[in-house]
Amino acid sequence: MVQLDVRPILAPTVEARALQTILAVNAILPLTALEILARVDQELQENPVLDRVPSPCGQCGNPVEGLICSRCGYSVLGGLGRLPRERPPRTEPDDRPSALDLAESPANLFDHLEAQLRVAVRDRTVLRVALHLVGYLDPRGYLDADLAYVAAEVGVPDCRVEEALRALQACEPAGVGARTVQECLLLQLDRLEPSAERDLARALVQDHLDALGRGQHTAVAARLGVRVEAVHAALRYLRQRTVPWPAEAFRAECGGGRVRPEELATPDVVISRTEQGYRVELVATSALQLRIHPLVRQALAGGGLAPEERERVRALVRRGRLFIEAVRRRNAMLYRCAEYVVAHQQAFLDGGPAHLRPLTLSQVAQALGVSESTVSRALTGKFVQMPEGRVVPFEVFFDSSLPVRQRIRELVETEDPREPLTDEALARRLWAEGWRLARRTVTKYREMARIPSARARRRWASLQGAVT
């Protein structure tokens, strides 16, 4: 954070004031909504001449000087959606949720798991590591992390990470935290009531999954010493009682990318539909409205201050005005960037990823008459709430791969599950549609979309469709 060194014995020149303003704006411009709110609170505590401008509550009209209305409890951040991705799951134990909290079931996977872990895990270290592991789940609910790396990352022994993983895998939905399809199915089977069918299904998954994927049912039955009809019955049981992707109900639908915990964001900008088109609003701007306290102005205008005290107050006023100007410019630049992006991406907002017209920082900078670095600082790390409530990173509007990743997803969703499209076949389909992509690029985009390989899709289709 850039500290502003305002010295009371020197009157700043025009050049010095301009330089101070540039430094202050550069320090404030990259801050997200939550970060700028925290920075404003810090400045209010450190500079006694600053004051928040009261603004009417959006719900009851009562003057509000902070984030929460003292009369009705309305928050200026209330009602904002979350991705589903900017906060990671909390990593420090605090108040545990009640059974009612769990029954109400949060809307995203991360909150859902966090609520369960805080009830079930008593060891603070294990809880901290388990919450950290949640951040490594992909949209399917699989753990995408090496346990040794996680142990080094959080500074705990491997055994503590393994204990945390067991705690995570004990949560709902069953199978969450698995690292392979096999482990996912076994986690689900182990929760079911013991029976001959369950035990046989478990043996099939444990030792014969590859053979089943190749359709070798008779050979598997011979190895297990059972009739092939019993294998078919166990496969039916498996198909009816388990799922390959435990977190399917929680999957995000913006671009098909991996859902990272940093993407669970409070938006910085909200886009909403109106009869006239789309409206752009910055988050919590009322809480960012600052002024020099009226009593300070009166004190400086009067003659009751000693010379040293007067100079000290004037220095604080200069610092306060500089901060107010930096916040104002940050908000203005973010709003201008967002407004241009929305105007450019009307088709995307109306029709979805296939209609995205990817922007570049250079385009936005040229249109607004500023440098690319200014646009980058204004938008990098910030999030926007879409008209339907989804929260996505601003980078989505600049992602040239999003339309083709969406098309790959559509092709996979409509393929014959018994003969899934290989990356080479996908490349040929895309080439015929005008997407000039090499096979390795298709592989890269498929993996970015978290779509399993053709081999993995064929294996699961064979397993699920073994008995109709």
Protein backbone atom coordinates (compact mmCIF):
# COMPACT_ATOMS: atom_id res chain seq x y z
CA MET A 1 0.00 0.00 0.00
CA VAL A 2 1.35 3.43 -0.94
CA GLN A 3 1.65 5.70 2.11
CA LEU A 4 1.09 9.38 1.49
CA ASP A 5 3.75 11.44 3.28
CA VAL A 6 2.23 14.87 3.79
CA ARG A 7 4.72 17.13 5.58
CA PRO A 8 3.08 20.05 7.42
CA ILE A 9 5.98 22.50 7.09
CA LEU A 10 6.05 22.50 3.28
CA ALA A 11 3.32 23.83 1.02
CA PRO A 12 3.15 21.44 -1.92
CA THR A 13 3.76 22.89 -5.36
CA VAL A 14 1.46 22.24 -8.31
CA GLU A 15 3.87 19.59 -9.60
CA ALA A 16 4.10 17.93 -6.18
CA ARG A 17 0.32 17.85 -5.83
CA ALA A 18 -0.03 16.32 -9.29
CA LEU A 19 2.53 13.65 -8.47
CA GLN A 20 0.83 12.90 -5.16
CA THR A 21 -2.51 12.56 -6.94
CA ILE A 22 -1.06 10.14 -9.51
CA LEU A 23 0.52 8.01 -6.78
CA ALA A 24 -2.69 8.01 -4.75
CA VAL A 25 -4.86 7.02 -7.74
CA ASN A 26 -2.43 4.26 -8.75
CA ALA A 27 -2.62 2.88 -5.22
CA ILE A 28 -6.43 2.98 -5.09
CA LEU A 29 -7.36 2.00 -8.67
CA PRO A 30 -6.62 -1.77 -8.39
CA LEU A 31 -8.65 -2.24 -5.19
CA THR A 32 -11.77 -4.40 -5.31
CA ALA A 33 -15.07 -3.36 -3.72
CA LEU A 34 -14.28 -5.03 -0.41
CA GLU A 35 -10.69 -3.76 -0.44
CA ILE A 36 -11.70 -0.15 -1.11
CA LEU A 37 -14.29 -0.31 1.67
CA ALA A 38 -11.60 -1.57 4.05
CA ARG A 39 -9.19 1.13 2.84
CA VAL A 40 -11.81 3.83 3.42
CA ASP A 41 -12.45 2.55 6.95
CA GLN A 42 -8.71 2.61 7.62
CA GLU A 43 -8.38 6.17 6.36
CA LEU A 44 -11.34 7.29 8.46
CA GLN A 45 -9.62 5.89 11.53
CA GLU A 46 -6.24 7.44 10.73
CA ASN A 47 -7.42 10.86 9.54
CA PRO A 48 -9.80 12.57 11.99
CA VAL A 49 -10.76 15.35 9.57
CA LEU A 50 -12.46 12.86 7.18
CA ASP A 51 -16.15 12.08 7.47
CA ARG A 52 -18.56 9.84 5.57
CA VAL A 53 -21.31 11.63 3.71
CA PRO A 54 -24.63 10.25 5.04
CA SER A 55 -26.74 8.65 2.32
CA PRO A 56 -30.33 7.38 2.49
CA CYS A 57 -30.85 3.69 3.19
CA GLY A 58 -31.93 1.84 0.07
CA GLN A 59 -34.71 0.13 2.02
CA CYS A 60 -36.11 2.50 4.66
CA GLY A 61 -34.62 5.87 3.71
CA ASN A 62 -32.89 6.38 7.04
CA PRO A 63 -29.53 8.25 6.71
CA VAL A 64 -26.69 5.70 6.68
CA GLU A 65 -23.08 6.61 7.38
CA GLY A 66 -21.53 3.15 6.96
CA LEU A 67 -22.41 -0.17 5.38
CA ILE A 68 -25.40 -1.12 7.52
CA CYS A 69 -28.53 0.87 8.32
CA SER A 70 -28.95 1.33 12.09
CA ARG A 71 -32.74 1.35 11.74
CA CYS A 72 -33.58 -1.64 9.52
CA GLY A 73 -30.24 -3.49 9.26
CA TYR A 74 -30.09 -3.24 5.46
CA SER A 75 -26.57 -3.66 4.08
CA VAL A 76 -25.32 -1.82 1.02
CA LEU A 77 -23.80 -5.16 -0.02
CA GLY A 78 -27.04 -7.05 0.54
CA GLY A 79 -28.65 -8.94 -2.33
CA LEU A 80 -25.48 -9.31 -4.35
CA GLY A 81 -24.99 -12.70 -5.95
CA ARG A 82 -21.89 -14.82 -5.59
CA LEU A 83 -20.06 -16.92 -8.07
CA PRO A 84 -20.03 -19.51 -8.60
CA ARG A 85 -14.21 -18.02 -9.29
CA GLU A 86 -13.74 -13.07 -4.37
CA ARG A 87 -13.31 -14.74 -1.17
CA PRO A 88 -11.88 -18.14 -0.37
CA PRO A 89 -13.68 -20.21 2.21
CA ARG A 90 -12.89 -18.90 5.68
CA THR A 91 -9.84 -20.68 7.05
CA GLU A 92 -10.18 -19.80 10.70
CA PRO A 93 -12.72 -21.53 12.93
CA ASP A 94 -15.43 -19.24 14.28
CA ASP A 95 -19.06 -19.62 15.33
CA ARG A 96 -20.43 -22.99 14.29
CA PRO A 97 -23.69 -23.03 12.30
CA SER A 98 -26.83 -24.51 13.76
CA ALA A 99 -28.74 -27.47 12.38
CA LEU A 100 -31.18 -24.97 10.90
CA ASP A 101 -28.34 -23.31 9.00
CA LEU A 102 -27.43 -26.66 7.48
CA ALA A 103 -31.03 -27.47 6.63
CA GLU A 104 -31.32 -24.26 4.63
CA SER A 105 -28.45 -25.50 2.39
CA PRO A 106 -26.30 -22.73 0.88
CA ALA A 107 -26.48 -22.07 -2.84
CA ASN A 108 -22.89 -22.97 -3.72
CA LEU A 109 -20.69 -25.95 -3.06
CA PHE A 110 -18.07 -24.08 -1.06
CA ASP A 111 -20.54 -22.66 1.47
CA HIS A 112 -22.32 -26.02 1.63
CA LEU A 113 -19.12 -27.86 2.55
CA GLU A 114 -17.89 -25.14 4.87
CA ALA A 115 -21.08 -25.29 6.93
CA GLN A 116 -20.76 -29.07 7.33
CA LEU A 117 -17.07 -28.97 8.22
CA ARG A 118 -17.57 -26.35 10.91
CA VAL A 119 -20.11 -28.62 12.59
CA ALA A 120 -18.24 -31.91 12.18
CA VAL A 121 -14.57 -30.99 12.73
CA ARG A 122 -13.47 -30.02 16.23
CA ASP A 123 -9.72 -29.88 15.67
CA ARG A 124 -8.88 -26.32 14.60
CA THR A 125 -5.87 -27.34 12.52
CA VAL A 126 -7.76 -30.05 10.67
CA LEU A 127 -10.63 -27.64 10.06
CA ARG A 128 -8.26 -25.02 8.66
CA VAL A 129 -6.67 -27.54 6.29
CA ALA A 130 -10.04 -29.01 5.24
CA LEU A 131 -11.34 -25.55 4.36
CA HIS A 132 -8.15 -24.99 2.39
CA LEU A 133 -8.75 -28.24 0.47
CA VAL A 134 -12.23 -27.03 -0.46
CA GLY A 135 -10.51 -24.35 -2.51
CA TYR A 136 -8.94 -27.06 -4.68
CA LEU A 137 -12.22 -28.69 -5.72
CA ASP A 138 -13.12 -28.52 -9.38
CA PRO A 139 -16.74 -28.11 -10.61
CA ARG A 140 -17.26 -31.89 -10.50
CA GLY A 141 -16.38 -31.98 -6.82
CA TYR A 142 -13.01 -33.68 -7.42
CA LEU A 143 -9.90 -32.65 -5.52
CA ASP A 144 -7.37 -31.13 -7.91
CA ALA A 145 -4.30 -30.92 -5.67
CA ASP A 146 -1.32 -32.94 -4.53
CA LEU A 147 -1.54 -33.59 -0.78
CA ALA A 148 2.20 -33.14 -0.26
CA TYR A 149 2.00 -29.75 -1.95
CA VAL A 150 -0.94 -28.75 0.25
CA ALA A 151 0.97 -29.85 3.36
CA ALA A 152 3.91 -27.65 2.40
CA GLU A 153 1.60 -24.81 1.44
CA VAL A 154 -0.21 -24.66 4.79
CA GLY A 155 2.76 -25.79 6.89
CA VAL A 156 1.39 -28.97 8.46
CA PRO A 157 2.47 -32.64 8.39
CA ASP A 158 1.15 -34.89 5.62
CA CYS A 159 -0.88 -36.87 8.14
CA ARG A 160 -2.89 -33.76 9.05
CA VAL A 161 -3.74 -33.15 5.41
CA GLU A 162 -4.87 -36.76 5.05
CA GLU A 163 -7.04 -36.34 8.14
CA ALA A 164 -8.53 -33.19 6.67
CA LEU A 165 -9.21 -34.99 3.39
CA ARG A 166 -11.09 -37.73 5.24
CA ALA A 167 -13.19 -35.06 6.93
CA LEU A 168 -13.95 -33.45 3.57
CA GLN A 169 -14.83 -36.79 1.97
CA ALA A 170 -17.27 -37.45 4.80
CA CYS A 171 -19.34 -34.44 3.73
CA GLU A 172 -22.33 -34.29 1.41
CA PRO A 173 -22.61 -34.70 -1.52
CA ALA A 174 -21.21 -38.21 -1.26
CA GLY A 175 -18.07 -38.62 -3.34
CA VAL A 176 -16.89 -35.04 -2.93
CA GLY A 177 -13.13 -34.71 -2.50
CA ALA A 178 -12.38 -37.78 -4.61
CA ARG A 179 -9.35 -37.69 -6.87
CA THR A 180 -10.50 -40.25 -9.45
CA VAL A 181 -13.77 -41.68 -10.71
CA GLN A 182 -12.91 -44.92 -8.94
CA GLU A 183 -12.41 -43.23 -5.58
CA CYS A 184 -15.58 -41.19 -6.11
CA LEU A 185 -17.69 -44.31 -6.68
CA LEU A 186 -16.12 -46.14 -3.74
CA LEU A 187 -16.83 -43.22 -1.40
CA GLN A 188 -20.49 -43.36 -2.42
CA LEU A 189 -20.76 -47.14 -2.19
CA ASP A 190 -19.23 -47.20 1.28
CA ARG A 191 -22.14 -45.08 2.57
CA LEU A 192 -24.81 -47.48 1.30
CA GLU A 193 -26.37 -50.27 3.30
CA PRO A 194 -24.39 -53.54 3.01
CA SER A 195 -25.91 -56.02 0.58
CA ALA A 196 -24.75 -58.63 -1.90
CA GLU A 197 -25.30 -56.23 -4.79
CA ARG A 198 -23.43 -53.40 -3.07
CA ASP A 199 -20.50 -55.66 -2.19
CA LEU A 200 -20.27 -56.96 -5.74
CA ALA A 201 -20.55 -53.44 -7.15
CA ARG A 202 -17.73 -52.36 -4.84
CA ALA A 203 -15.55 -55.24 -6.01
CA LEU A 204 -16.23 -54.30 -9.63
CA VAL A 205 -15.20 -50.69 -9.04
CA GLN A 206 -12.25 -51.58 -6.85
CA ASP A 207 -10.56 -54.09 -9.13
CA HIS A 208 -12.29 -54.35 -12.51
CA LEU A 209 -13.27 -50.85 -13.64
CA ASP A 210 -10.99 -50.87 -16.71
CA ALA A 211 -12.23 -54.28 -17.83
CA LEU A 212 -15.85 -53.18 -17.45
CA GLY A 213 -15.08 -50.08 -19.47
CA ARG A 214 -13.92 -52.38 -22.26
CA GLY A 215 -17.14 -54.39 -22.03
CA GLN A 216 -15.47 -57.55 -20.68
CA HIS A 217 -18.39 -58.53 -18.44
CA THR A 218 -18.09 -62.28 -18.93
CA ALA A 219 -14.38 -62.26 -18.14
CA VAL A 220 -14.97 -60.19 -15.00
CA ALA A 221 -17.73 -62.55 -13.86
CA ALA A 222 -15.36 -65.52 -14.33
CA ARG A 223 -12.63 -63.84 -12.29
CA LEU A 224 -15.04 -63.13 -9.46
CA GLY A 225 -16.65 -66.59 -9.63
CA VAL A 226 -20.16 -65.22 -10.19
CA ARG A 227 -22.71 -65.44 -13.00
CA VAL A 228 -22.64 -62.69 -15.63
CA GLU A 229 -26.23 -61.86 -14.65
CA ALA A 230 -24.94 -60.96 -11.19
CA VAL A 231 -22.43 -58.58 -12.75
CA HIS A 232 -25.23 -56.99 -14.75
CA ALA A 233 -27.34 -56.60 -11.62
CA ALA A 234 -24.40 -54.99 -9.80
CA LEU A 235 -23.94 -52.59 -12.71
CA ARG A 236 -27.62 -51.67 -12.56
CA TYR A 237 -27.22 -51.05 -8.84
CA LEU A 238 -24.15 -48.91 -9.49
CA ARG A 239 -25.92 -46.87 -12.16
CA GLN A 240 -28.94 -46.25 -9.95
CA ARG A 241 -27.14 -45.49 -6.67
CA THR A 242 -24.03 -43.50 -7.67
CA VAL A 243 -23.07 -40.51 -9.83
CA PRO A 244 -19.73 -39.80 -11.52
CA TRP A 245 -19.67 -36.08 -10.69
CA PRO A 246 -20.87 -35.52 -7.11
CA ALA A 247 -21.04 -31.72 -7.36
CA GLU A 248 -22.99 -31.58 -10.62
CA ALA A 249 -25.87 -29.69 -8.97
CA PHE A 250 -23.47 -26.96 -7.84
CA ARG A 251 -21.64 -26.44 -11.13
CA ALA A 252 -21.15 -22.89 -12.35
CA GLU A 253 -22.35 -22.19 -15.87
CA CYS A 254 -20.18 -19.27 -16.92
CA GLY A 255 -17.70 -20.39 -19.51
CA GLY A 256 -17.22 -23.88 -18.12
CA GLY A 257 -13.98 -22.97 -16.36
CA ARG A 258 -12.73 -24.31 -13.10
CA VAL A 259 -14.43 -22.75 -10.11
CA ARG A 260 -11.68 -21.42 -7.87
CA PRO A 261 -12.34 -20.10 -4.40
CA GLU A 262 -11.00 -16.67 -5.39
CA GLU A 263 -13.92 -16.56 -7.83
CA LEU A 264 -16.48 -16.64 -5.00
CA ALA A 265 -16.64 -12.90 -5.24
CA THR A 266 -18.49 -9.89 -4.07
CA PRO A 267 -18.98 -8.07 -7.38
CA ASP A 268 -17.46 -4.66 -8.01
CA VAL A 269 -19.96 -3.83 -10.73
CA VAL A 270 -23.61 -4.83 -11.18
CA ILE A 271 -25.22 -5.05 -14.62
CA SER A 272 -29.00 -5.03 -14.67
CA ARG A 273 -31.61 -5.06 -17.43
CA THR A 274 -34.00 -2.15 -17.80
CA GLU A 275 -36.61 -1.23 -20.39
CA GLN A 276 -34.02 1.08 -21.94
CA GLY A 277 -31.25 -1.53 -22.08
CA TYR A 278 -28.53 -2.39 -19.60
CA ARG A 279 -27.60 -0.31 -16.56
CA VAL A 280 -24.18 -0.28 -14.92
CA GLU A 281 -23.80 0.37 -11.19
CA LEU A 282 -20.77 0.32 -8.92
CA VAL A 283 -21.10 -1.58 -5.66
CA ALA A 284 -21.35 0.31 -2.34
CA THR A 285 -20.59 3.73 -3.82
CA SER A 286 -22.68 5.37 -1.09
CA ALA A 287 -20.24 4.04 1.52
CA LEU A 288 -17.35 5.59 -0.42
CA GLN A 289 -18.71 9.14 -0.33
CA LEU A 290 -16.34 11.13 1.89
CA ARG A 291 -15.95 14.78 2.88
CA ILE A 292 -13.92 17.02 5.13
CA HIS A 293 -15.88 17.26 8.37
CA PRO A 294 -17.83 20.57 8.55
CA LEU A 295 -16.49 21.29 12.05
CA VAL A 296 -12.94 21.18 10.69
CA ARG A 297 -13.81 23.80 8.11
CA GLN A 298 -15.26 25.97 10.85
CA ALA A 299 -12.18 25.54 13.02
CA LEU A 300 -9.85 26.56 10.21
CA ALA A 301 -12.02 29.54 9.33
CA GLY A 302 -11.97 30.76 12.96
CA GLY A 303 -9.04 32.02 14.98
CA GLY A 304 -9.07 29.55 17.84
CA LEU A 305 -6.24 27.26 16.64
CA ALA A 306 -2.58 27.71 17.53
CA PRO A 307 -0.27 28.05 14.48
CA GLU A 308 1.25 24.58 14.87
CA GLU A 309 -2.15 22.99 15.39
CA ARG A 310 -3.56 24.87 12.40
CA GLU A 311 -0.74 23.64 10.17
CA ARG A 312 -1.22 20.06 11.38
CA VAL A 313 -4.94 20.22 10.60
CA ARG A 314 -4.24 21.71 7.18
CA ALA A 315 -1.87 18.81 6.43
CA LEU A 316 -4.58 16.34 7.40
CA VAL A 317 -7.05 18.22 5.20
CA ARG A 318 -4.65 18.00 2.25
CA ARG A 319 -4.23 14.29 2.86
CA GLY A 320 -8.01 13.86 3.14
CA ARG A 321 -8.71 15.73 -0.09
CA LEU A 322 -6.06 13.73 -1.88
CA PHE A 323 -7.65 10.47 -0.72
CA ILE A 324 -11.16 11.66 -1.65
CA GLU A 325 -9.93 12.57 -5.14
CA ALA A 326 -8.18 9.19 -5.54
CA VAL A 327 -11.37 7.31 -4.60
CA ARG A 328 -13.43 9.50 -6.94
CA ARG A 329 -11.08 8.84 -9.86
CA ARG A 330 -10.97 5.12 -9.11
CA ASN A 331 -14.77 4.92 -9.21
CA ALA A 332 -14.99 7.06 -12.35
CA MET A 333 -12.45 4.95 -14.24
CA LEU A 334 -14.05 1.65 -13.20
CA TYR A 335 -17.47 2.94 -14.23
CA ARG A 336 -16.21 4.19 -17.62
CA CYS A 337 -14.50 0.84 -18.33
CA ALA A 338 -17.57 -1.15 -17.30
CA GLU A 339 -19.89 1.07 -19.33
CA TYR A 340 -17.77 0.60 -22.45
CA VAL A 341 -17.56 -3.17 -21.95
CA VAL A 342 -21.33 -3.47 -21.53
CA ALA A 343 -21.99 -1.32 -24.62
CA HIS A 344 -19.60 -3.52 -26.62
CA GLN A 345 -20.96 -6.83 -25.33
CA GLN A 346 -24.71 -6.41 -25.77
CA ALA A 347 -24.96 -9.57 -27.89
CA PHE A 348 -23.08 -11.59 -25.26
CA LEU A 349 -25.36 -10.32 -22.50
CA ASP A 350 -28.41 -11.16 -24.59
CA GLY A 351 -27.35 -14.48 -26.10
CA GLY A 352 -24.57 -16.04 -24.01
CA PRO A 353 -20.97 -17.18 -24.63
CA ALA A 354 -21.42 -18.00 -28.31
CA HIS A 355 -22.05 -14.31 -28.98
CA LEU A 356 -19.01 -12.95 -27.15
CA ARG A 357 -16.95 -10.40 -29.10
CA PRO A 358 -13.67 -10.55 -27.19
CA LEU A 359 -12.23 -7.17 -26.28
CA THR A 360 -8.62 -6.17 -25.77
CA LEU A 361 -7.21 -3.76 -23.21
CA SER A 362 -5.92 -1.71 -26.12
CA GLN A 363 -9.43 -1.28 -27.53
CA VAL A 364 -10.83 -0.06 -24.23
CA ALA A 365 -7.85 2.20 -23.56
CA GLN A 366 -8.06 3.79 -27.01
CA ALA A 367 -11.81 4.35 -26.69
CA LEU A 368 -11.45 5.99 -23.28
CA GLY A 369 -8.30 7.93 -24.04
CA VAL A 370 -6.20 6.36 -21.29
CA SER A 371 -3.26 3.96 -21.14
CA GLU A 372 -3.59 0.17 -21.26
CA SER A 373 -1.99 -0.05 -17.82
CA THR A 374 -4.75 2.17 -16.42
CA VAL A 375 -7.45 -0.10 -17.87
CA SER A 376 -5.59 -3.16 -16.59
CA ARG A 377 -5.37 -1.75 -13.05
CA ALA A 378 -9.04 -0.76 -13.17
CA LEU A 379 -10.34 -4.21 -14.22
CA THR A 380 -7.83 -6.87 -13.18
CA GLY A 381 -9.07 -8.91 -10.23
CA LYS A 382 -12.52 -7.34 -10.30
CA PHE A 383 -15.88 -9.04 -10.78
CA VAL A 384 -19.20 -8.18 -12.34
CA GLN A 385 -22.67 -9.42 -11.47
CA MET A 386 -24.50 -10.35 -14.65
CA PRO A 387 -28.19 -9.52 -15.18
CA GLU A 388 -29.26 -13.06 -14.23
CA GLY A 389 -27.31 -12.89 -10.95
CA ARG A 390 -24.13 -14.80 -11.83
CA VAL A 391 -20.87 -13.19 -10.76
CA VAL A 392 -17.99 -13.52 -13.22
CA PRO A 393 -14.53 -11.98 -13.54
CA PHE A 394 -14.16 -9.05 -15.92
CA GLU A 395 -11.64 -11.18 -17.82
CA VAL A 396 -14.61 -13.08 -19.31
CA PHE A 397 -15.31 -10.15 -21.62
CA PHE A 398 -11.72 -10.34 -22.93
CA ASP A 399 -11.52 -14.14 -23.28
CA SER A 400 -11.22 -15.07 -26.94
CA SER A 401 -11.42 -18.78 -26.07
CA LEU A 402 -14.84 -18.60 -24.39
CA PRO A 403 -17.02 -19.01 -27.52
CA VAL A 404 -15.03 -22.01 -28.78
CA ARG A 405 -15.00 -23.60 -25.31
CA GLN A 406 -18.76 -23.22 -25.26
CA ARG A 407 -18.98 -24.87 -28.69
CA ILE A 408 -16.78 -27.76 -27.54
CA ARG A 409 -19.09 -28.24 -24.57
CA GLU A 410 -22.13 -28.28 -26.88
CA LEU A 411 -20.51 -30.86 -29.18
CA VAL A 412 -19.65 -33.12 -26.25
CA GLU A 413 -23.14 -32.80 -24.77
CA THR A 414 -24.71 -33.99 -28.04
CA GLU A 415 -22.21 -36.74 -28.92
CA ASP A 416 -22.98 -40.44 -28.92
CA PRO A 417 -21.85 -41.47 -25.42
CA ARG A 418 -20.82 -44.88 -26.75
CA GLU A 419 -18.53 -43.23 -29.32
CA PRO A 420 -17.39 -39.95 -27.74
CA LEU A 421 -15.58 -37.44 -29.87
CA THR A 422 -11.82 -37.48 -29.58
CA ASP A 423 -9.90 -34.21 -29.58
CA GLU A 424 -8.96 -34.90 -33.18
CA ALA A 425 -12.63 -35.38 -34.10
CA LEU A 426 -13.58 -32.22 -32.21
CA ALA A 427 -10.89 -30.32 -34.10
CA ARG A 428 -12.29 -31.55 -37.43
CA ARG A 429 -15.84 -30.54 -36.45
CA LEU A 430 -14.66 -27.12 -35.36
CA TRP A 431 -12.56 -26.69 -38.48
CA ALA A 432 -15.65 -27.39 -40.61
CA GLU A 433 -17.48 -24.67 -38.68
CA GLY A 434 -14.74 -22.13 -39.26
CA TRP A 435 -12.69 -22.54 -36.07
CA ARG A 436 -9.11 -23.00 -37.28
CA LEU A 437 -7.71 -24.84 -34.27
CA ALA A 438 -5.03 -27.48 -33.93
CA ARG A 439 -5.80 -30.64 -32.00
CA ARG A 440 -3.51 -29.62 -29.11
CA THR A 441 -5.40 -26.33 -28.84
CA VAL A 442 -8.70 -28.22 -28.68
CA THR A 443 -7.20 -30.40 -25.94
CA LYS A 444 -6.19 -27.29 -24.03
CA TYR A 445 -9.66 -25.74 -24.32
CA ARG A 446 -11.38 -29.00 -23.40
CA GLU A 447 -9.27 -29.24 -20.27
CA MET A 448 -9.98 -25.59 -19.45
CA ALA A 449 -13.68 -26.46 -19.67
CA ARG A 450 -13.06 -29.36 -17.26
CA ILE A 451 -14.40 -31.89 -19.79
CA PRO A 452 -12.95 -35.41 -19.36
CA SER A 453 -11.08 -37.05 -22.22
CA ALA A 454 -12.90 -39.19 -24.77
CA ARG A 455 -11.44 -42.28 -23.14
CA ALA A 456 -12.78 -41.31 -19.72
CA ARG A 457 -16.19 -40.42 -21.17
CA ARG A 458 -16.34 -43.74 -23.04
CA ARG A 459 -15.41 -45.67 -19.91
CA TRP A 460 -18.17 -44.08 -17.89
CA ALA A 461 -20.75 -44.45 -20.66
CA SER A 462 -19.87 -48.12 -20.97
CA LEU A 463 -20.15 -48.59 -17.23
CA GLN A 464 -23.47 -46.76 -17.00
CA GLY A 465 -24.96 -48.30 -20.09
CA ALA A 466 -23.78 -51.84 -19.57
CA VAL A 467 -27.32 -52.91 -18.76
CA THR A 468 -30.25 -51.02 -20.22
